[in-house]
Amino acid sequence: VAKQKTNWDNLVENISQNEWYDTILDNKVLFGIGTVVMLILAIILYGMVGGNNEAPDFTLRDTEGVTFSLSEYEGKKVVILDFMFSTCEPCEKLVKEAIEPYSKKMDNNEVVIISVSVFGEDSEKTLREYAEGYGWRHALDIDPNNSENKGEVTLDYKVTGTPKIFIIDKKGEMTYSHTGPISESELSNEVKKAQTGQGGVVNLQQSSIFLFAVGAGVMVFFSPCSFPMLPGY
């Protein structure tokens, strides 16, 4: 009984009958070199871009009117960087269940908390009134009194939702990030990891990984050696 062809069988047959596929088969060496070059480029790009977990520096003005920079804490304190806005319910949950209880027991000589209001949701007055209930620094990412602060921090940290929290160690490197509420114990544990050099690695740039996946995927898919590994072949 003849085996009934599947859609996949028909696709493979159609591809193999095209002249461009015959050209690929006739240039296996060139194709192999192309694959190796793609892998090398991906590794280089990852080292240059994707592997960098240095926290982007920024300068903002807090609700007390004091201008500060993230870099001033480098070598001195671990930073808990919280992206939020005052009417965000999940942000308030994060504050009540993690940040506020942790702030009451943390060593102020070792750890600092910075909350940055994003997306233009808060006015200067609104954020100032909100911050009065808490004992840490708050600032607007979009500052109406400073033409240089127009949301760049949000863009630099790839913030697309709130709350978004980062932990930055004394070397200025991001060791943890999370979107959404977390517990006080998790926050405390991640800060300890940052303090002891046991923290993770956070990469804001993933373009090289994407290039690797697409490039290698295309190379492997059209490789003469790939079809035996594909389903239904």
Foldseek 3Di string as FASTA:
>chain_A
DDDDDDPVNVVVVVVVPDPVLVVCVVPVVVLVVLLVVLVVVLVVVCVVAQQAQFQDKDWFAWLVRDIDIPLVQALWAKEKEWEAADPDPLQVVQCVFAVQVLVVPDDPRHYAYEYEYDPPPDDSVRVSVSCVVGDHTYGYQPHPVDPVRHHVSCVSQVDPAPGKIWIAANNRGTQDIDHTHDGNVVVVVQRVCSDVVNGHHDHSDCVSVVSSCVSNVVSLVSNPPNVVVDPPD
